[in-house]
Amino acid sequence: MPTLNLYTNLPVDAVTTSDILKDATQAVAKIIGKPESYVMILVNGGVPMAFAGTEAPAAYGELISVGGLGLSVNSKLSSTIADILQTKLSIDSSRFYIKFYDVQRSFFGFNGSTF
């Protein structure tokens, strides 16, 4: 049920995308405390994006989860995802925003129903 949408203005190749998907899946599952089998990660590269008035490498993320989020978890997620983006795409953490959504079970669909 945790879903992380990542957007960056950098093009991403298949190998880099695969590494980000693997690393982010493991990190989100571990930090939130949910099984990897429920974690979804999306990487959207080459998205037109300006941050602080420039088109230098930047990223934006949204993480949606049914429970498991809070101040300390969100802080750890923000830091860990920023580290992944720095390592894999050389995006400085000062050029990355992430928004967290803790949604009710009835607002998250899965397997033809809701959680």
C-alpha atoms as a PDB file:
ATOM      1  CA  MET A   1       0.000   0.000   0.000  1.00  0.00           C
ATOM      2  CA  PRO A   2       2.854   2.486   0.369  1.00  0.00           C
ATOM      3  CA  THR A   3       3.295   4.153  -3.010  1.00  0.00           C
ATOM      4  CA  LEU A   4       6.186   6.450  -3.825  1.00  0.00           C
ATOM      5  CA  ASN A   5       5.938   8.604  -6.956  1.00  0.00           C
ATOM      6  CA  LEU A   6       9.247  10.182  -7.930  1.00  0.00           C
ATOM      7  CA  TYR A   7       9.603  12.849 -10.607  1.00  0.00           C
ATOM      8  CA  THR A   8      12.867  14.299 -11.869  1.00  0.00           C
ATOM      9  CA  ASN A   9      13.913  16.580 -14.685  1.00  0.00           C
ATOM     10  CA  LEU A  10      16.802  14.244 -15.464  1.00  0.00           C
ATOM     11  CA  PRO A  11      16.472  11.462 -18.019  1.00  0.00           C
ATOM     12  CA  VAL A  12      16.849   8.063 -16.362  1.00  0.00           C
ATOM     13  CA  ASP A  13      18.102   4.957 -18.130  1.00  0.00           C
ATOM     14  CA  ALA A  14      16.809   1.452 -17.476  1.00  0.00           C
ATOM     15  CA  VAL A  15      19.721   0.425 -15.232  1.00  0.00           C
ATOM     16  CA  THR A  16      19.481   3.533 -13.042  1.00  0.00           C
ATOM     17  CA  THR A  17      15.700   3.204 -12.834  1.00  0.00           C
ATOM     18  CA  SER A  18      15.994  -0.436 -11.792  1.00  0.00           C
ATOM     19  CA  ASP A  19      18.481   0.476  -9.043  1.00  0.00           C
ATOM     20  CA  ILE A  20      16.227   3.258  -7.755  1.00  0.00           C
ATOM     21  CA  LEU A  21      13.181   0.944  -7.777  1.00  0.00           C
ATOM     22  CA  LYS A  22      15.036  -1.749  -5.827  1.00  0.00           C
ATOM     23  CA  ASP A  23      16.635   0.582  -3.279  1.00  0.00           C
ATOM     24  CA  ALA A  24      13.502   2.672  -2.709  1.00  0.00           C
ATOM     25  CA  THR A  25      11.283  -0.417  -2.325  1.00  0.00           C
ATOM     26  CA  GLN A  26      13.550  -1.846   0.357  1.00  0.00           C
ATOM     27  CA  ALA A  27      13.881   1.486   2.156  1.00  0.00           C
ATOM     28  CA  VAL A  28      10.163   2.331   2.172  1.00  0.00           C
ATOM     29  CA  ALA A  29       9.199  -1.145   3.383  1.00  0.00           C
ATOM     30  CA  LYS A  30      11.792  -1.142   6.162  1.00  0.00           C
ATOM     31  CA  ILE A  31      11.195   2.409   7.397  1.00  0.00           C
ATOM     32  CA  ILE A  32       7.379   2.261   7.340  1.00  0.00           C
ATOM     33  CA  GLY A  33       7.300  -1.344   8.549  1.00  0.00           C
ATOM     34  CA  LYS A  34       5.203  -2.752   5.694  1.00  0.00           C
ATOM     35  CA  PRO A  35       5.974  -5.832   3.571  1.00  0.00           C
ATOM     36  CA  GLU A  36       7.838  -5.191   0.308  1.00  0.00           C
ATOM     37  CA  SER A  37       5.036  -7.064  -1.460  1.00  0.00           C
ATOM     38  CA  TYR A  38       2.762  -4.046  -0.885  1.00  0.00           C
ATOM     39  CA  VAL A  39       5.240  -1.290  -1.847  1.00  0.00           C
ATOM     40  CA  MET A  40       4.936   0.434  -5.240  1.00  0.00           C
ATOM     41  CA  ILE A  41       7.572   2.810  -6.606  1.00  0.00           C
ATOM     42  CA  LEU A  42       7.194   4.909  -9.777  1.00  0.00           C
ATOM     43  CA  VAL A  43      10.090   6.775 -11.376  1.00  0.00           C
ATOM     44  CA  ASN A  44       9.251   9.490 -13.905  1.00  0.00           C
ATOM     45  CA  GLY A  45      12.319  10.910 -15.625  1.00  0.00           C
ATOM     46  CA  GLY A  46      12.657  13.781 -18.058  1.00  0.00           C
ATOM     47  CA  VAL A  47       9.813  15.759 -16.485  1.00  0.00           C
ATOM     48  CA  PRO A  48      10.031  19.503 -17.231  1.00  0.00           C
ATOM     49  CA  MET A  49      10.828  21.005 -13.840  1.00  0.00           C
ATOM     50  CA  ALA A  50      12.306  24.170 -12.401  1.00  0.00           C
ATOM     51  CA  PHE A  51      13.393  24.538  -8.777  1.00  0.00           C
ATOM     52  CA  ALA A  52      14.539  27.869  -7.343  1.00  0.00           C
ATOM     53  CA  GLY A  53      14.284  29.379 -10.810  1.00  0.00           C
ATOM     54  CA  THR A  54      16.680  26.969 -12.500  1.00  0.00           C
ATOM     55  CA  GLU A  55      16.400  23.751 -14.435  1.00  0.00           C
ATOM     56  CA  ALA A  56      19.398  22.213 -12.662  1.00  0.00           C
ATOM     57  CA  PRO A  57      18.863  18.597 -11.524  1.00  0.00           C
ATOM     58  CA  ALA A  58      15.892  18.415  -9.163  1.00  0.00           C
ATOM     59  CA  ALA A  59      13.240  15.977  -7.979  1.00  0.00           C
ATOM     60  CA  TYR A  60       9.818  15.847  -6.359  1.00  0.00           C
ATOM     61  CA  GLY A  61       8.224  12.909  -4.584  1.00  0.00           C
ATOM     62  CA  GLU A  62       4.891  11.942  -3.082  1.00  0.00           C
ATOM     63  CA  LEU A  63       4.578   9.046  -0.677  1.00  0.00           C
ATOM     64  CA  ILE A  64       1.107   7.725   0.088  1.00  0.00           C
ATOM     65  CA  SER A  65       0.492   5.130   2.794  1.00  0.00           C
ATOM     66  CA  VAL A  66      -2.307   3.666   4.862  1.00  0.00           C
ATOM     67  CA  GLY A  67      -0.796   4.299   8.281  1.00  0.00           C
ATOM     68  CA  GLY A  68       2.842   4.060   9.267  1.00  0.00           C
ATOM     69  CA  LEU A  69       3.668   7.718   8.665  1.00  0.00           C
ATOM     70  CA  GLY A  70       4.540  10.335  11.261  1.00  0.00           C
ATOM     71  CA  LEU A  71       7.196  12.893  12.134  1.00  0.00           C
ATOM     72  CA  SER A  72      10.133  10.546  12.763  1.00  0.00           C
ATOM     73  CA  VAL A  73       9.216   8.113   9.951  1.00  0.00           C
ATOM     74  CA  ASN A  74       8.697  10.949   7.456  1.00  0.00           C
ATOM     75  CA  SER A  75      12.022  12.495   8.409  1.00  0.00           C
ATOM     76  CA  LYS A  76      13.832   9.175   7.926  1.00  0.00           C
ATOM     77  CA  LEU A  77      12.047   8.575   4.601  1.00  0.00           C
ATOM     78  CA  SER A  78      12.916  12.068   3.366  1.00  0.00           C
ATOM     79  CA  SER A  79      16.579  11.587   4.238  1.00  0.00           C
ATOM     80  CA  THR A  80      16.799   8.076   2.791  1.00  0.00           C
ATOM     81  CA  ILE A  81      15.037   8.897  -0.497  1.00  0.00           C
ATOM     82  CA  ALA A  82      17.195  12.016  -0.851  1.00  0.00           C
ATOM     83  CA  ASP A  83      20.291   9.835  -0.348  1.00  0.00           C
ATOM     84  CA  ILE A  84      19.113   7.429  -3.064  1.00  0.00           C
ATOM     85  CA  LEU A  85      18.552  10.324  -5.477  1.00  0.00           C
ATOM     86  CA  GLN A  86      21.969  11.779  -4.617  1.00  0.00           C
ATOM     87  CA  THR A  87      23.713   8.443  -5.138  1.00  0.00           C
ATOM     88  CA  LYS A  88      21.898   7.328  -8.287  1.00  0.00           C
ATOM     89  CA  LEU A  89      21.215  10.672 -10.033  1.00  0.00           C
ATOM     90  CA  SER A  90      23.511  13.211  -8.319  1.00  0.00           C
ATOM     91  CA  ILE A  91      20.513  15.307  -7.231  1.00  0.00           C
ATOM     92  CA  ASP A  92      21.431  17.411  -4.219  1.00  0.00           C
ATOM     93  CA  SER A  93      19.079  16.973  -1.259  1.00  0.00           C
ATOM     94  CA  SER A  94      18.487  20.744  -1.275  1.00  0.00           C
ATOM     95  CA  ARG A  95      16.783  20.298  -4.676  1.00  0.00           C
ATOM     96  CA  PHE A  96      14.282  17.666  -3.593  1.00  0.00           C
ATOM     97  CA  TYR A  97      10.839  17.988  -2.024  1.00  0.00           C
ATOM     98  CA  ILE A  98       8.711  15.112  -0.801  1.00  0.00           C
ATOM     99  CA  LYS A  99       5.084  15.231   0.329  1.00  0.00           C
ATOM    100  CA  PHE A 100       3.580  12.592   2.618  1.00  0.00           C
ATOM    101  CA  TYR A 101      -0.038  11.452   2.590  1.00  0.00           C
ATOM    102  CA  ASP A 102      -1.419   9.199   5.319  1.00  0.00           C
ATOM    103  CA  VAL A 103      -4.750   8.016   3.890  1.00  0.00           C
ATOM    104  CA  GLN A 104      -7.683   6.112   5.337  1.00  0.00           C
ATOM    105  CA  ARG A 105      -8.049   2.468   4.301  1.00  0.00           C
ATOM    106  CA  SER A 106     -11.274   3.223   2.437  1.00  0.00           C
ATOM    107  CA  PHE A 107      -9.425   5.750   0.222  1.00  0.00           C
ATOM    108  CA  PHE A 108      -6.870   3.228  -1.084  1.00  0.00           C
ATOM    109  CA  GLY A 109      -7.985   0.617  -3.615  1.00  0.00           C
ATOM    110  CA  PHE A 110      -6.420  -2.788  -4.134  1.00  0.00           C
ATOM    111  CA  ASN A 111      -7.448  -6.068  -5.698  1.00  0.00           C
ATOM    112  CA  GLY A 112     -10.855  -4.757  -6.779  1.00  0.00           C
ATOM    113  CA  SER A 113     -11.740  -3.361  -3.343  1.00  0.00           C
ATOM    114  CA  THR A 114     -10.219  -1.144  -0.665  1.00  0.00           C
ATOM    115  CA  PHE A 115      -7.958  -1.921   2.258  1.00  0.00           C
END
